[in-house]
Amino acid sequence: MKTNRLLYVLIFFLAVWCLFLSSQLNAVSAREDSAVINQYEVNGFSTDLTKIAEAVRPSIVTISGDNNISSGFVYKQEAENVYILTAYHGVSNVNTITVHFGKSYQVPGELIGHDIYTDLALIRVVTPYEIAPMKTGDSSLLKQGEFVISIGTPVSMDYQGSLELSMVAANGLQIENSILVEDERYNYFLNVVEISDPLVSGYSGSPLINMNGEAIGMTTMSAQGGVSFAVTINEVKMIAEELLAQNGISRNVFGIKGSFLKDMYNYEKTNLSIPIETVDGLYVERIKENGVAYAAGLRAGDVITKINDEVIIGLDSYLRAIYSDNTQLNIEYVRGGQTLVGSLGND
């Protein structure tokens, strides 16, 4: 009997000990789960966006004029002159321009230059305050699937400083666009970044920002189906510097839609009878008859290799050719394995 009692006591203590160990393990597991959740909330994806938004928000402005509202960002400051970049269509037909820094400080703005092809406008304001310009990145480094954000003022002033998260749907995309200038319509191809999520009215002119807090584009338009676009920051900076110099925009409207060979797969090159080892050049997919390239003798199917001795590697080298102020253009291209040169005076 005594042995049975000892056995029951031992079983009882073992059961209590198991319950104790089980409770301790559950407590440790709960603490670990909590630590993982806290780490995600404090140090993870959400915090990255928060830090970026906090860092760039002072450089982002709202622009109002008459009944129009658009967004913009500080590009440069020289003494009391602060230069703002925005979408031209938001300020093109207004009597007055007001630039809002945050919710409680606003100053009148002056439109000092614009470019109708890229929908870009440069506004100057005078302020005694030092306002940090937006950091700019290199849009040629953007990759498909990369996260980007836009901060602007959609719909009305009530939503000033709103943030939208999106992804790069396509970089180096060329879309067909048209503008009406003095009752004459111009059709051309525009180099853009495609954004995965549509942006509502008011975000036009806002910076497209990468996860390093750098502007890599300026949002400008949306197409049917809710597709939104941004002009690449590399092109925006070229135009902005010319507008700052107040010399007008020097541009050669090439009228070309194409693909850079460096971005092509080998099977694409083979299908187009382009040697696989060829990595430089722009393959002409479509060409407009009112463009410089057509007048110089180029046609669809040609591969542009040089423009005025500038080797065409990617979008940046192509943009340098577009914004060249040379009055004489020499375009080297390959057709049917033969290298040709088309020349055109551009007076």
Protein backbone atom coordinates (compact mmCIF):
# COMPACT_ATOMS: atom_id res chain seq x y z
CA MET A 1 0.00 0.00 0.00
CA LYS A 2 2.83 2.34 0.90
CA THR A 3 4.44 1.65 -2.46
CA ASN A 4 1.19 2.48 -4.29
CA ARG A 5 0.88 5.76 -2.41
CA LEU A 6 4.45 6.73 -3.36
CA LEU A 7 3.71 5.87 -6.97
CA TYR A 8 0.57 8.06 -6.98
CA VAL A 9 2.49 10.93 -5.40
CA LEU A 10 5.25 10.59 -7.99
CA ILE A 11 2.72 10.56 -10.84
CA PHE A 12 1.03 13.66 -9.37
CA PHE A 13 4.32 15.58 -9.17
CA LEU A 14 5.27 14.53 -12.69
CA ALA A 15 1.92 15.78 -13.98
CA VAL A 16 2.38 19.12 -12.20
CA TRP A 17 5.91 19.40 -13.58
CA CYS A 18 4.68 18.74 -17.13
CA LEU A 19 2.00 21.38 -16.77
CA PHE A 20 4.61 23.85 -15.50
CA LEU A 21 6.99 23.14 -18.38
CA SER A 22 4.16 23.43 -20.87
CA SER A 23 3.14 26.84 -19.52
CA GLN A 24 6.74 28.06 -19.69
CA LEU A 25 7.13 26.90 -23.27
CA ASN A 26 3.90 28.64 -24.25
CA ALA A 27 5.10 31.84 -22.58
CA VAL A 28 8.44 31.73 -24.43
CA SER A 29 6.66 31.07 -27.73
CA ALA A 30 4.30 33.99 -27.14
CA ARG A 31 7.24 36.28 -26.38
CA GLU A 32 9.00 35.17 -29.56
CA ASP A 33 5.85 35.75 -31.63
CA SER A 34 5.46 39.18 -30.06
CA ALA A 35 9.12 39.98 -30.77
CA VAL A 36 8.71 39.00 -34.42
CA ILE A 37 5.56 41.13 -34.77
CA ASN A 38 7.18 44.09 -33.03
CA GLN A 39 10.29 43.77 -35.14
CA TYR A 40 8.20 43.77 -38.32
CA GLU A 41 6.27 46.84 -37.23
CA VAL A 42 9.28 48.80 -35.97
CA ASN A 43 12.08 47.85 -38.34
CA GLY A 44 10.42 46.44 -41.41
CA PHE A 45 8.67 47.58 -44.54
CA SER A 46 6.25 49.97 -42.84
CA THR A 47 9.03 51.92 -41.15
CA ASP A 48 10.99 52.30 -44.37
CA LEU A 49 8.02 54.08 -45.93
CA THR A 50 7.52 56.19 -42.83
CA LYS A 51 11.12 57.39 -42.83
CA ILE A 52 11.02 58.19 -46.54
CA ALA A 53 7.77 60.15 -46.18
CA GLU A 54 9.13 62.13 -43.24
CA ALA A 55 12.35 62.95 -45.09
CA VAL A 56 10.83 64.09 -48.39
CA ARG A 57 7.59 65.77 -47.28
CA PRO A 58 9.19 69.25 -46.70
CA SER A 59 10.28 69.25 -50.36
CA ILE A 60 6.80 68.54 -51.74
CA VAL A 61 4.31 71.31 -52.46
CA THR A 62 0.72 71.82 -53.55
CA ILE A 63 0.00 74.26 -56.36
CA SER A 64 -3.34 76.00 -56.71
CA GLY A 65 -4.56 78.37 -59.36
CA ASP A 66 -8.12 79.42 -60.04
CA ASN A 67 -9.96 76.12 -59.54
CA ASN A 68 -7.01 73.86 -60.37
CA ILE A 69 -5.01 71.83 -57.87
CA SER A 70 -1.80 69.98 -58.71
CA SER A 71 1.34 68.82 -56.96
CA GLY A 72 5.02 69.63 -57.32
CA PHE A 73 8.41 69.45 -55.65
CA VAL A 74 11.35 71.71 -54.89
CA TYR A 75 14.07 71.27 -57.49
CA LYS A 76 16.59 73.93 -56.53
CA GLN A 77 17.09 76.97 -54.27
CA GLU A 78 19.31 79.93 -55.07
CA ALA A 79 19.29 82.53 -52.27
CA GLU A 80 15.61 83.56 -51.89
CA ASN A 81 14.58 82.01 -55.20
CA VAL A 82 13.06 78.54 -54.89
CA TYR A 83 12.37 76.63 -58.12
CA ILE A 84 9.45 74.20 -58.25
CA LEU A 85 8.79 71.50 -60.84
CA THR A 86 5.22 70.53 -61.64
CA ALA A 87 2.92 69.40 -64.46
CA TYR A 88 2.34 72.13 -67.02
CA HIS A 89 -1.31 71.24 -67.64
CA GLY A 90 -2.10 72.22 -64.03
CA VAL A 91 -0.80 75.80 -64.40
CA SER A 92 -1.13 76.52 -68.13
CA ASN A 93 -4.43 78.39 -68.10
CA VAL A 94 -4.62 80.05 -64.69
CA ASN A 95 -4.54 83.72 -63.77
CA THR A 96 -2.62 83.30 -60.52
CA ILE A 97 -0.40 80.60 -59.04
CA THR A 98 -0.10 79.89 -55.34
CA VAL A 99 2.46 77.45 -53.94
CA HIS A 100 1.59 75.81 -50.62
CA PHE A 101 4.41 74.57 -48.37
CA GLY A 102 2.64 72.38 -45.84
CA LYS A 103 -0.77 73.47 -44.61
CA SER A 104 -0.01 76.93 -43.19
CA TYR A 105 2.55 78.63 -45.45
CA GLN A 106 1.83 79.78 -48.98
CA VAL A 107 3.44 82.22 -51.42
CA PRO A 108 2.65 83.45 -54.94
CA GLY A 109 4.43 81.63 -57.76
CA GLU A 110 5.63 82.71 -61.19
CA LEU A 111 5.69 80.42 -64.22
CA ILE A 112 9.12 81.02 -65.76
CA GLY A 113 9.28 78.20 -68.29
CA HIS A 114 7.59 75.08 -69.58
CA ASP A 115 7.89 72.22 -72.04
CA ILE A 116 4.68 71.08 -73.72
CA TYR A 117 6.09 67.74 -74.93
CA THR A 118 6.82 66.41 -71.44
CA ASP A 119 4.12 68.44 -69.63
CA LEU A 120 6.81 70.01 -67.43
CA ALA A 121 6.65 73.48 -65.86
CA LEU A 122 9.16 75.43 -63.79
CA ILE A 123 7.78 77.83 -61.17
CA ARG A 124 9.73 80.34 -59.11
CA VAL A 125 8.76 81.56 -55.66
CA VAL A 126 10.57 83.99 -53.38
CA THR A 127 10.88 83.01 -49.72
CA PRO A 128 13.26 83.94 -46.87
CA TYR A 129 13.22 80.33 -45.64
CA GLU A 130 15.66 77.60 -46.53
CA ILE A 131 13.70 74.75 -48.10
CA ALA A 132 15.47 71.49 -48.90
CA PRO A 133 15.33 70.52 -52.59
CA MET A 134 14.21 67.00 -53.46
CA LYS A 135 17.04 64.53 -53.88
CA THR A 136 17.10 63.10 -57.40
CA GLY A 137 18.20 59.63 -58.43
CA ASP A 138 19.01 57.90 -61.70
CA SER A 139 15.88 56.68 -63.46
CA SER A 140 17.91 54.44 -65.78
CA LEU A 141 18.60 52.17 -62.78
CA LEU A 142 14.91 51.53 -62.09
CA LYS A 143 13.86 47.90 -62.26
CA GLN A 144 10.47 46.40 -63.00
CA GLY A 145 8.73 45.47 -59.74
CA GLU A 146 10.59 48.07 -57.68
CA PHE A 147 8.45 49.84 -55.07
CA VAL A 148 7.87 53.58 -55.55
CA ILE A 149 5.69 56.15 -53.82
CA SER A 150 4.00 59.38 -54.84
CA ILE A 151 3.19 62.17 -52.40
CA GLY A 152 0.81 64.90 -53.52
CA THR A 153 -2.60 66.46 -53.17
CA PRO A 154 -5.40 64.45 -54.79
CA VAL A 155 -8.89 65.87 -55.40
CA SER A 156 -8.78 68.84 -53.00
CA MET A 157 -6.68 70.71 -50.42
CA ASP A 158 -8.29 68.56 -47.72
CA TYR A 159 -6.03 65.68 -48.80
CA GLN A 160 -2.79 67.64 -48.99
CA GLY A 161 0.33 65.50 -48.57
CA SER A 162 -1.32 62.13 -49.28
CA LEU A 163 0.84 59.12 -50.13
CA GLU A 164 0.31 56.39 -52.70
CA LEU A 165 2.36 53.19 -52.88
CA SER A 166 2.94 51.60 -56.26
CA MET A 167 5.43 49.59 -58.30
CA VAL A 168 7.39 50.16 -61.48
CA ALA A 169 5.30 48.36 -64.08
CA ALA A 170 7.74 49.22 -66.89
CA ASN A 171 10.78 51.46 -67.26
CA GLY A 172 12.01 53.04 -70.49
CA LEU A 173 8.55 52.69 -71.99
CA GLN A 174 7.70 54.75 -75.06
CA ILE A 175 4.08 55.79 -75.46
CA GLU A 176 2.39 57.67 -78.27
CA ASN A 177 1.14 61.10 -77.31
CA SER A 178 -0.19 64.18 -79.04
CA ILE A 179 -0.48 67.87 -78.26
CA LEU A 180 -2.32 70.77 -79.87
CA VAL A 181 -0.15 73.84 -80.48
CA GLU A 182 -1.71 76.89 -82.15
CA ASP A 183 -4.40 74.78 -83.82
CA GLU A 184 -1.81 72.28 -85.12
CA ARG A 185 -1.62 68.78 -83.67
CA TYR A 186 1.76 67.18 -83.07
CA ASN A 187 2.09 63.41 -82.62
CA TYR A 188 5.21 62.08 -80.93
CA PHE A 189 6.60 59.35 -78.67
CA LEU A 190 7.19 60.07 -74.97
CA ASN A 191 9.68 58.20 -72.75
CA VAL A 192 8.04 57.30 -69.45
CA VAL A 193 7.97 55.09 -66.38
CA GLU A 194 4.72 53.12 -66.12
CA ILE A 195 3.22 52.91 -62.61
CA SER A 196 1.24 49.85 -61.54
CA ASP A 197 -1.50 51.72 -59.65
CA PRO A 198 -3.56 54.58 -61.11
CA LEU A 199 -3.13 58.05 -59.60
CA VAL A 200 -6.17 60.26 -59.24
CA SER A 201 -6.46 63.90 -60.28
CA GLY A 202 -4.19 66.24 -58.32
CA TYR A 203 -1.18 63.95 -58.14
CA SER A 204 0.03 65.34 -61.49
CA GLY A 205 3.41 66.97 -60.95
CA SER A 206 4.19 64.98 -57.82
CA PRO A 207 7.56 63.24 -57.60
CA LEU A 208 7.83 59.52 -58.14
CA ILE A 209 10.09 58.43 -55.28
CA ASN A 210 12.20 55.29 -54.91
CA MET A 211 12.97 53.46 -51.68
CA ASN A 212 16.12 55.55 -51.25
CA GLY A 213 14.02 58.71 -50.94
CA GLU A 214 15.05 60.00 -54.38
CA ALA A 215 12.81 61.44 -57.10
CA ILE A 216 13.16 59.23 -60.15
CA GLY A 217 10.29 60.73 -62.15
CA MET A 218 7.49 63.28 -62.26
CA THR A 219 3.95 61.96 -62.58
CA THR A 220 2.18 63.49 -65.52
CA MET A 221 -0.77 61.60 -67.04
CA SER A 222 -3.03 58.59 -67.01
CA ALA A 223 -4.27 56.58 -69.97
CA GLN A 224 -7.54 54.77 -70.43
CA GLY A 225 -7.77 51.73 -68.19
CA GLY A 226 -6.21 53.50 -65.22
CA VAL A 227 -2.56 53.27 -66.32
CA SER A 228 -0.43 56.12 -64.92
CA PHE A 229 2.92 57.43 -66.16
CA ALA A 230 5.83 59.54 -65.00
CA VAL A 231 8.45 61.33 -67.06
CA THR A 232 11.89 59.98 -66.14
CA ILE A 233 13.87 62.23 -63.79
CA ASN A 234 16.89 62.05 -66.13
CA GLU A 235 14.86 63.78 -68.84
CA VAL A 236 13.19 66.11 -66.33
CA LYS A 237 16.60 67.36 -65.14
CA MET A 238 17.78 68.04 -68.71
CA ILE A 239 14.70 70.15 -69.39
CA ALA A 240 14.79 71.89 -65.99
CA GLU A 241 18.37 73.04 -66.50
CA GLU A 242 17.51 74.49 -69.91
CA LEU A 243 14.49 76.26 -68.42
CA LEU A 244 16.66 77.67 -65.62
CA ALA A 245 19.07 79.01 -68.23
CA GLN A 246 16.02 80.58 -69.94
CA ASN A 247 17.39 79.73 -73.37
CA GLY A 248 14.33 77.79 -74.51
CA ILE A 249 14.27 74.05 -75.09
CA SER A 250 16.61 72.64 -77.73
CA ARG A 251 15.09 69.41 -78.95
CA ASN A 252 15.23 67.18 -81.99
CA VAL A 253 11.88 65.44 -82.41
CA PHE A 254 13.14 62.11 -83.76
CA GLY A 255 9.68 60.53 -83.99
CA ILE A 256 10.94 57.05 -83.13
CA LYS A 257 9.51 54.25 -81.05
CA GLY A 258 11.98 51.46 -80.48
CA SER A 259 13.80 49.07 -78.17
CA PHE A 260 17.39 49.23 -77.00
CA LEU A 261 19.37 46.13 -77.91
CA LYS A 262 20.82 45.86 -74.40
CA ASP A 263 17.29 45.12 -73.14
CA MET A 264 16.50 42.47 -75.76
CA TYR A 265 16.60 38.72 -75.23
CA ASN A 266 18.75 36.69 -77.59
CA TYR A 267 15.75 35.08 -79.25
CA GLU A 268 14.35 38.56 -80.00
CA LYS A 269 17.60 39.58 -81.69
CA THR A 270 17.70 36.34 -83.65
CA ASN A 271 14.11 36.82 -84.80
CA LEU A 272 15.02 40.33 -86.03
CA SER A 273 18.24 39.11 -87.73
CA ILE A 274 20.38 41.09 -85.31
CA PRO A 275 23.67 39.45 -84.23
CA ILE A 276 23.41 38.21 -80.64
CA GLU A 277 26.74 39.80 -79.70
CA THR A 278 25.46 43.27 -80.65
CA VAL A 279 24.54 45.13 -77.45
CA ASP A 280 24.55 48.81 -78.49
CA GLY A 281 21.90 50.50 -80.56
CA LEU A 282 18.21 51.33 -80.83
CA TYR A 283 15.98 49.11 -82.95
CA VAL A 284 13.36 51.23 -84.76
CA GLU A 285 9.91 49.67 -84.33
CA ARG A 286 7.84 52.60 -85.55
CA ILE A 287 8.73 55.93 -87.10
CA LYS A 288 6.70 59.07 -87.73
CA GLU A 289 6.94 60.78 -91.08
CA ASN A 290 7.06 64.23 -89.47
CA GLY A 291 10.12 63.38 -87.37
CA VAL A 292 13.83 64.09 -87.80
CA ALA A 293 14.77 60.41 -88.22
CA TYR A 294 12.39 59.85 -91.15
CA ALA A 295 13.69 62.97 -92.89
CA ALA A 296 17.24 61.64 -92.45
CA GLY A 297 16.30 58.45 -94.30
CA LEU A 298 15.64 55.99 -91.47
CA ARG A 299 12.81 53.50 -91.61
CA ALA A 300 11.26 50.86 -89.34
CA GLY A 301 13.61 47.89 -88.92
CA ASP A 302 16.81 49.98 -88.86
CA VAL A 303 19.16 49.95 -85.86
CA ILE A 304 20.50 53.36 -84.81
CA THR A 305 24.06 53.00 -83.52
CA LYS A 306 25.33 56.60 -83.31
CA ILE A 307 23.96 60.12 -83.39
CA ASN A 308 26.63 62.81 -83.90
CA ASP A 309 29.32 60.39 -82.66
CA GLU A 310 27.28 59.62 -79.52
CA VAL A 311 27.07 55.83 -79.21
CA ILE A 312 23.44 54.92 -78.51
CA ILE A 313 23.60 52.53 -75.55
CA GLY A 314 20.39 53.28 -73.67
CA LEU A 315 17.86 55.98 -72.90
CA ASP A 316 20.36 58.45 -71.44
CA SER A 317 22.57 58.54 -74.55
CA TYR A 318 19.43 58.79 -76.70
CA LEU A 319 18.15 61.70 -74.60
CA ARG A 320 21.46 63.53 -74.99
CA ALA A 321 20.97 63.29 -78.74
CA ILE A 322 17.37 64.48 -78.52
CA TYR A 323 18.32 67.56 -76.49
CA SER A 324 21.38 68.41 -78.56
CA ASP A 325 21.48 71.93 -79.95
CA ASN A 326 23.50 70.86 -82.99
CA THR A 327 22.15 72.28 -86.24
CA GLN A 328 23.59 69.36 -88.18
CA LEU A 329 22.62 65.76 -87.36
CA ASN A 330 24.51 62.70 -88.51
CA ILE A 331 22.66 59.47 -87.70
CA GLU A 332 24.56 56.22 -88.17
CA TYR A 333 22.36 53.16 -88.55
CA VAL A 334 22.43 49.57 -89.74
CA ARG A 335 20.06 48.20 -92.39
CA GLY A 336 20.36 44.69 -93.75
CA GLY A 337 23.85 44.29 -92.29
CA GLN A 338 25.08 47.48 -93.98
CA THR A 339 26.12 50.61 -92.02
CA LEU A 340 24.60 53.81 -93.41
CA VAL A 341 24.67 57.47 -92.40
CA GLY A 342 21.76 59.87 -92.67
CA SER A 343 22.49 63.59 -92.41
CA LEU A 344 20.07 66.41 -91.80
CA GLY A 345 20.45 70.12 -91.27
CA ASN A 346 18.34 71.26 -88.31
CA ASP A 347 18.31 75.03 -88.66
